[in-house]
Amino acid sequence: MMMQHATALATNMQAEDCLNLEAKVRKAKAEGQTVTITDGCVFFDYQLIARLPPGVQFNT
């Protein structure tokens, strides 16, 4: 039971982080920054901003 609860919490945190990251990407694009997502890494103006966990679909 505890493992299921921990998995549910981790999934919620991951979804929340993706929403925050999506907001950051939209803001960066609006400010004219270069946004690159490759090999599970997110870059703004060629600086590493975040790493995506395996299996996360992140579409912008």
PDB file of N, CA and C in Angstrom:
ATOM      1  N   MET A   1       0.818  -1.197   0.000  1.00  0.00           N
ATOM      2  CA  MET A   1       0.000   0.000   0.000  1.00  0.00           C
ATOM      3  C   MET A   1       0.864   1.265   0.000  1.00  0.00           C
ATOM      4  N   MET A   2       1.925   1.277   0.788  1.00  0.00           N
ATOM      5  CA  MET A   2       2.768   2.468   0.855  1.00  0.00           C
ATOM      6  C   MET A   2       3.466   2.725  -0.474  1.00  0.00           C
ATOM      7  N   MET A   3       3.861   1.653  -1.158  1.00  0.00           N
ATOM      8  CA  MET A   3       4.531   1.811  -2.451  1.00  0.00           C
ATOM      9  C   MET A   3       3.578   2.423  -3.473  1.00  0.00           C
ATOM     10  N   GLN A   4       2.317   2.007  -3.454  1.00  0.00           N
ATOM     11  CA  GLN A   4       1.330   2.576  -4.370  1.00  0.00           C
ATOM     12  C   GLN A   4       1.126   4.058  -4.071  1.00  0.00           C
ATOM     13  N   HIS A   5       1.092   4.403  -2.806  1.00  0.00           N
ATOM     14  CA  HIS A   5       0.923   5.800  -2.417  1.00  0.00           C
ATOM     15  C   HIS A   5       2.126   6.635  -2.864  1.00  0.00           C
ATOM     16  N   ALA A   6       3.321   6.103  -2.687  1.00  0.00           N
ATOM     17  CA  ALA A   6       4.536   6.811  -3.111  1.00  0.00           C
ATOM     18  C   ALA A   6       4.556   6.993  -4.624  1.00  0.00           C
ATOM     19  N   THR A   7       4.125   5.977  -5.361  1.00  0.00           N
ATOM     20  CA  THR A   7       4.078   6.079  -6.820  1.00  0.00           C
ATOM     21  C   THR A   7       3.086   7.148  -7.249  1.00  0.00           C
ATOM     22  N   ALA A   8       1.937   7.190  -6.604  1.00  0.00           N
ATOM     23  CA  ALA A   8       0.926   8.200  -6.933  1.00  0.00           C
ATOM     24  C   ALA A   8       1.458   9.601  -6.663  1.00  0.00           C
ATOM     25  N   LEU A   9       2.142   9.781  -5.544  1.00  0.00           N
ATOM     26  CA  LEU A   9       2.712  11.094  -5.230  1.00  0.00           C
ATOM     27  C   LEU A   9       3.784  11.486  -6.235  1.00  0.00           C
ATOM     28  N   ALA A  10       4.628  10.549  -6.614  1.00  0.00           N
ATOM     29  CA  ALA A  10       5.688  10.837  -7.583  1.00  0.00           C
ATOM     30  C   ALA A  10       5.090  11.207  -8.928  1.00  0.00           C
ATOM     31  N   THR A  11       4.026  10.535  -9.331  1.00  0.00           N
ATOM     32  CA  THR A  11       3.371  10.839 -10.605  1.00  0.00           C
ATOM     33  C   THR A  11       2.779  12.239 -10.573  1.00  0.00           C
ATOM     34  N   ASN A  12       2.149  12.613  -9.465  1.00  0.00           N
ATOM     35  CA  ASN A  12       1.574  13.950  -9.346  1.00  0.00           C
ATOM     36  C   ASN A  12       2.655  15.017  -9.390  1.00  0.00           C
ATOM     37  N   MET A  13       3.775  14.777  -8.715  1.00  0.00           N
ATOM     38  CA  MET A  13       4.869  15.744  -8.721  1.00  0.00           C
ATOM     39  C   MET A  13       5.428  15.897 -10.126  1.00  0.00           C
ATOM     40  N   GLN A  14       5.528  14.791 -10.849  1.00  0.00           N
ATOM     41  CA  GLN A  14       6.062  14.826 -12.199  1.00  0.00           C
ATOM     42  C   GLN A  14       5.145  15.641 -13.109  1.00  0.00           C
ATOM     43  N   ALA A  15       3.826  15.439 -12.985  1.00  0.00           N
ATOM     44  CA  ALA A  15       2.872  16.178 -13.804  1.00  0.00           C
ATOM     45  C   ALA A  15       2.945  17.664 -13.479  1.00  0.00           C
ATOM     46  N   GLU A  16       3.073  17.984 -12.203  1.00  0.00           N
ATOM     47  CA  GLU A  16       3.166  19.372 -11.783  1.00  0.00           C
ATOM     48  C   GLU A  16       4.434  20.017 -12.350  1.00  0.00           C
ATOM     49  N   ASP A  17       5.533  19.286 -12.286  1.00  0.00           N
ATOM     50  CA  ASP A  17       6.783  19.806 -12.825  1.00  0.00           C
ATOM     51  C   ASP A  17       6.675  20.031 -14.327  1.00  0.00           C
ATOM     52  N   CYS A  18       5.991  19.142 -15.033  1.00  0.00           N
ATOM     53  CA  CYS A  18       5.817  19.311 -16.475  1.00  0.00           C
ATOM     54  C   CYS A  18       4.989  20.553 -16.774  1.00  0.00           C
ATOM     55  N   LEU A  19       3.974  20.813 -15.951  1.00  0.00           N
ATOM     56  CA  LEU A  19       3.168  22.019 -16.151  1.00  0.00           C
ATOM     57  C   LEU A  19       4.009  23.272 -15.917  1.00  0.00           C
ATOM     58  N   ASN A  20       4.828  23.259 -14.882  1.00  0.00           N
ATOM     59  CA  ASN A  20       5.708  24.403 -14.615  1.00  0.00           C
ATOM     60  C   ASN A  20       6.725  24.580 -15.733  1.00  0.00           C
ATOM     61  N   LEU A  21       7.272  23.467 -16.213  1.00  0.00           N
ATOM     62  CA  LEU A  21       8.250  23.537 -17.290  1.00  0.00           C
ATOM     63  C   LEU A  21       7.602  24.062 -18.569  1.00  0.00           C
ATOM     64  N   GLU A  22       6.369  23.629 -18.830  1.00  0.00           N
ATOM     65  CA  GLU A  22       5.665  24.119 -20.013  1.00  0.00           C
ATOM     66  C   GLU A  22       5.460  25.627 -19.929  1.00  0.00           C
ATOM     67  N   ALA A  23       5.126  26.134 -18.747  1.00  0.00           N
ATOM     68  CA  ALA A  23       4.956  27.575 -18.562  1.00  0.00           C
ATOM     69  C   ALA A  23       6.274  28.310 -18.800  1.00  0.00           C
ATOM     70  N   LYS A  24       7.372  27.735 -18.322  1.00  0.00           N
ATOM     71  CA  LYS A  24       8.687  28.352 -18.539  1.00  0.00           C
ATOM     72  C   LYS A  24       9.049  28.371 -20.023  1.00  0.00           C
ATOM     73  N   VAL A  25       8.718  27.291 -20.733  1.00  0.00           N
ATOM     74  CA  VAL A  25       9.003  27.223 -22.172  1.00  0.00           C
ATOM     75  C   VAL A  25       8.199  28.279 -22.913  1.00  0.00           C
ATOM     76  N   ARG A  26       6.926  28.406 -22.582  1.00  0.00           N
ATOM     77  CA  ARG A  26       6.085  29.422 -23.239  1.00  0.00           C
ATOM     78  C   ARG A  26       6.619  30.832 -22.980  1.00  0.00           C
ATOM     79  N   LYS A  27       7.040  31.088 -21.741  1.00  0.00           N
ATOM     80  CA  LYS A  27       7.584  32.402 -21.397  1.00  0.00           C
ATOM     81  C   LYS A  27       8.873  32.671 -22.167  1.00  0.00           C
ATOM     82  N   ALA A  28       9.744  31.666 -22.236  1.00  0.00           N
ATOM     83  CA  ALA A  28      11.013  31.831 -22.957  1.00  0.00           C
ATOM     84  C   ALA A  28      10.764  32.102 -24.434  1.00  0.00           C
ATOM     85  N   LYS A  29       9.815  31.383 -25.023  1.00  0.00           N
ATOM     86  CA  LYS A  29       9.492  31.609 -26.437  1.00  0.00           C
ATOM     87  C   LYS A  29       8.934  33.011 -26.644  1.00  0.00           C
ATOM     88  N   ALA A  30       8.089  33.461 -25.723  1.00  0.00           N
ATOM     89  CA  ALA A  30       7.514  34.804 -25.837  1.00  0.00           C
ATOM     90  C   ALA A  30       8.591  35.880 -25.722  1.00  0.00           C
ATOM     91  N   GLU A  31       9.647  35.593 -24.960  1.00  0.00           N
ATOM     92  CA  GLU A  31      10.747  36.546 -24.796  1.00  0.00           C
ATOM     93  C   GLU A  31      11.767  36.453 -25.921  1.00  0.00           C
ATOM     94  N   GLY A  32      11.544  35.532 -26.861  1.00  0.00           N
ATOM     95  CA  GLY A  32      12.437  35.417 -28.010  1.00  0.00           C
ATOM     96  C   GLY A  32      13.676  34.579 -27.766  1.00  0.00           C
ATOM     97  N   GLN A  33      13.680  33.784 -26.711  1.00  0.00           N
ATOM     98  CA  GLN A  33      14.823  32.920 -26.436  1.00  0.00           C
ATOM     99  C   GLN A  33      14.759  31.677 -27.318  1.00  0.00           C
ATOM    100  N   THR A  34      15.912  31.087 -27.581  1.00  0.00           N
ATOM    101  CA  THR A  34      15.985  29.833 -28.317  1.00  0.00           C
ATOM    102  C   THR A  34      15.657  28.703 -27.357  1.00  0.00           C
ATOM    103  N   VAL A  35      14.646  27.895 -27.692  1.00  0.00           N
ATOM    104  CA  VAL A  35      14.240  26.767 -26.861  1.00  0.00           C
ATOM    105  C   VAL A  35      14.517  25.488 -27.632  1.00  0.00           C
ATOM    106  N   THR A  36      15.298  24.587 -27.026  1.00  0.00           N
ATOM    107  CA  THR A  36      15.646  23.318 -27.659  1.00  0.00           C
ATOM    108  C   THR A  36      15.346  22.185 -26.690  1.00  0.00           C
ATOM    109  N   ILE A  37      14.660  21.155 -27.195  1.00  0.00           N
ATOM    110  CA  ILE A  37      14.410  19.954 -26.405  1.00  0.00           C
ATOM    111  C   ILE A  37      14.984  18.791 -27.189  1.00  0.00           C
ATOM    112  N   THR A  38      16.020  18.161 -26.638  1.00  0.00           N
ATOM    113  CA  THR A  38      16.664  17.049 -27.320  1.00  0.00           C
ATOM    114  C   THR A  38      17.221  16.059 -26.304  1.00  0.00           C
ATOM    115  N   ASP A  39      17.089  14.794 -26.601  1.00  0.00           N
ATOM    116  CA  ASP A  39      17.612  13.717 -25.745  1.00  0.00           C
ATOM    117  C   ASP A  39      17.179  13.863 -24.290  1.00  0.00           C
ATOM    118  N   GLY A  40      15.949  14.290 -24.068  1.00  0.00           N
ATOM    119  CA  GLY A  40      15.448  14.404 -22.703  1.00  0.00           C
ATOM    120  C   GLY A  40      15.961  15.603 -21.936  1.00  0.00           C
ATOM    121  N   CYS A  41      16.579  16.557 -22.621  1.00  0.00           N
ATOM    122  CA  CYS A  41      17.095  17.770 -21.979  1.00  0.00           C
ATOM    123  C   CYS A  41      16.427  18.996 -22.584  1.00  0.00           C
ATOM    124  N   VAL A  42      16.166  19.991 -21.748  1.00  0.00           N
ATOM    125  CA  VAL A  42      15.551  21.241 -22.195  1.00  0.00           C
ATOM    126  C   VAL A  42      16.588  22.345 -22.050  1.00  0.00           C
ATOM    127  N   PHE A  43      16.803  23.074 -23.143  1.00  0.00           N
ATOM    128  CA  PHE A  43      17.779  24.160 -23.168  1.00  0.00           C
ATOM    129  C   PHE A  43      17.080  25.469 -23.532  1.00  0.00           C
ATOM    130  N   PHE A  44      17.427  26.545 -22.849  1.00  0.00           N
ATOM    131  CA  PHE A  44      17.029  27.902 -23.228  1.00  0.00           C
ATOM    132  C   PHE A  44      18.314  28.630 -23.576  1.00  0.00           C
ATOM    133  N   ASP A  45      18.384  29.184 -24.772  1.00  0.00           N
ATOM    134  CA  ASP A  45      19.584  29.879 -25.240  1.00  0.00           C
ATOM    135  C   ASP A  45      20.843  29.049 -24.981  1.00  0.00           C
ATOM    136  N   TYR A  46      20.751  27.763 -25.289  1.00  0.00           N
ATOM    137  CA  TYR A  46      21.864  26.813 -25.219  1.00  0.00           C
ATOM    138  C   TYR A  46      22.370  26.562 -23.802  1.00  0.00           C
ATOM    139  N   GLN A  47      21.563  26.873 -22.787  1.00  0.00           N
ATOM    140  CA  GLN A  47      21.906  26.565 -21.398  1.00  0.00           C
ATOM    141  C   GLN A  47      20.917  25.524 -20.886  1.00  0.00           C
ATOM    142  N   LEU A  48      21.421  24.481 -20.245  1.00  0.00           N
ATOM    143  CA  LEU A  48      20.578  23.405 -19.739  1.00  0.00           C
ATOM    144  C   LEU A  48      19.665  23.927 -18.639  1.00  0.00           C
ATOM    145  N   ILE A  49      18.371  23.716 -18.818  1.00  0.00           N
ATOM    146  CA  ILE A  49      17.371  24.158 -17.847  1.00  0.00           C
ATOM    147  C   ILE A  49      16.822  22.979 -17.051  1.00  0.00           C
ATOM    148  N   ALA A  50      16.540  21.866 -17.738  1.00  0.00           N
ATOM    149  CA  ALA A  50      15.928  20.713 -17.059  1.00  0.00           C
ATOM    150  C   ALA A  50      16.223  19.432 -17.815  1.00  0.00           C
ATOM    151  N   ARG A  51      16.142  18.336 -17.091  1.00  0.00           N
ATOM    152  CA  ARG A  51      16.214  17.003 -17.688  1.00  0.00           C
ATOM    153  C   ARG A  51      14.859  16.341 -17.463  1.00  0.00           C
ATOM    154  N   LEU A  52      14.326  15.748 -18.517  1.00  0.00           N
ATOM    155  CA  LEU A  52      13.041  15.074 -18.421  1.00  0.00           C
ATOM    156  C   LEU A  52      13.252  13.626 -17.999  1.00  0.00           C
ATOM    157  N   PRO A  53      12.423  13.131 -17.088  1.00  0.00           N
ATOM    158  CA  PRO A  53      12.533  11.727 -16.693  1.00  0.00           C
ATOM    159  C   PRO A  53      12.182  10.812 -17.869  1.00  0.00           C
ATOM    160  N   PRO A  54      12.726   9.606 -17.896  1.00  0.00           N
ATOM    161  CA  PRO A  54      12.402   8.675 -18.977  1.00  0.00           C
ATOM    162  C   PRO A  54      10.904   8.405 -19.039  1.00  0.00           C
ATOM    163  N   GLY A  55      10.381   8.349 -20.240  1.00  0.00           N
ATOM    164  CA  GLY A  55       8.973   8.037 -20.439  1.00  0.00           C
ATOM    165  C   GLY A  55       8.042   9.232 -20.411  1.00  0.00           C
ATOM    166  N   VAL A  56       8.558  10.426 -20.160  1.00  0.00           N
ATOM    167  CA  VAL A  56       7.711  11.617 -20.113  1.00  0.00           C
ATOM    168  C   VAL A  56       7.559  12.173 -21.523  1.00  0.00           C
ATOM    169  N   GLN A  57       6.319  12.354 -21.950  1.00  0.00           N
ATOM    170  CA  GLN A  57       6.034  12.970 -23.244  1.00  0.00           C
ATOM    171  C   GLN A  57       5.879  14.470 -23.014  1.00  0.00           C
ATOM    172  N   PHE A  58       6.749  15.253 -23.594  1.00  0.00           N
ATOM    173  CA  PHE A  58       6.696  16.704 -23.411  1.00  0.00           C
ATOM    174  C   PHE A  58       6.598  17.351 -24.778  1.00  0.00           C
ATOM    175  N   ASN A  59       5.414  17.841 -25.119  1.00  0.00           N
ATOM    176  CA  ASN A  59       5.180  18.476 -26.416  1.00  0.00           C
ATOM    177  C   ASN A  59       4.914  19.955 -26.204  1.00  0.00           C
ATOM    178  N   THR A  60       5.583  20.777 -26.989  1.00  0.00           N
ATOM    179  CA  THR A  60       5.361  22.222 -26.881  1.00  0.00           C
ATOM    180  C   THR A  60       4.861  22.757 -28.192  1.00  0.00           C
TER     181      THR A  60
END
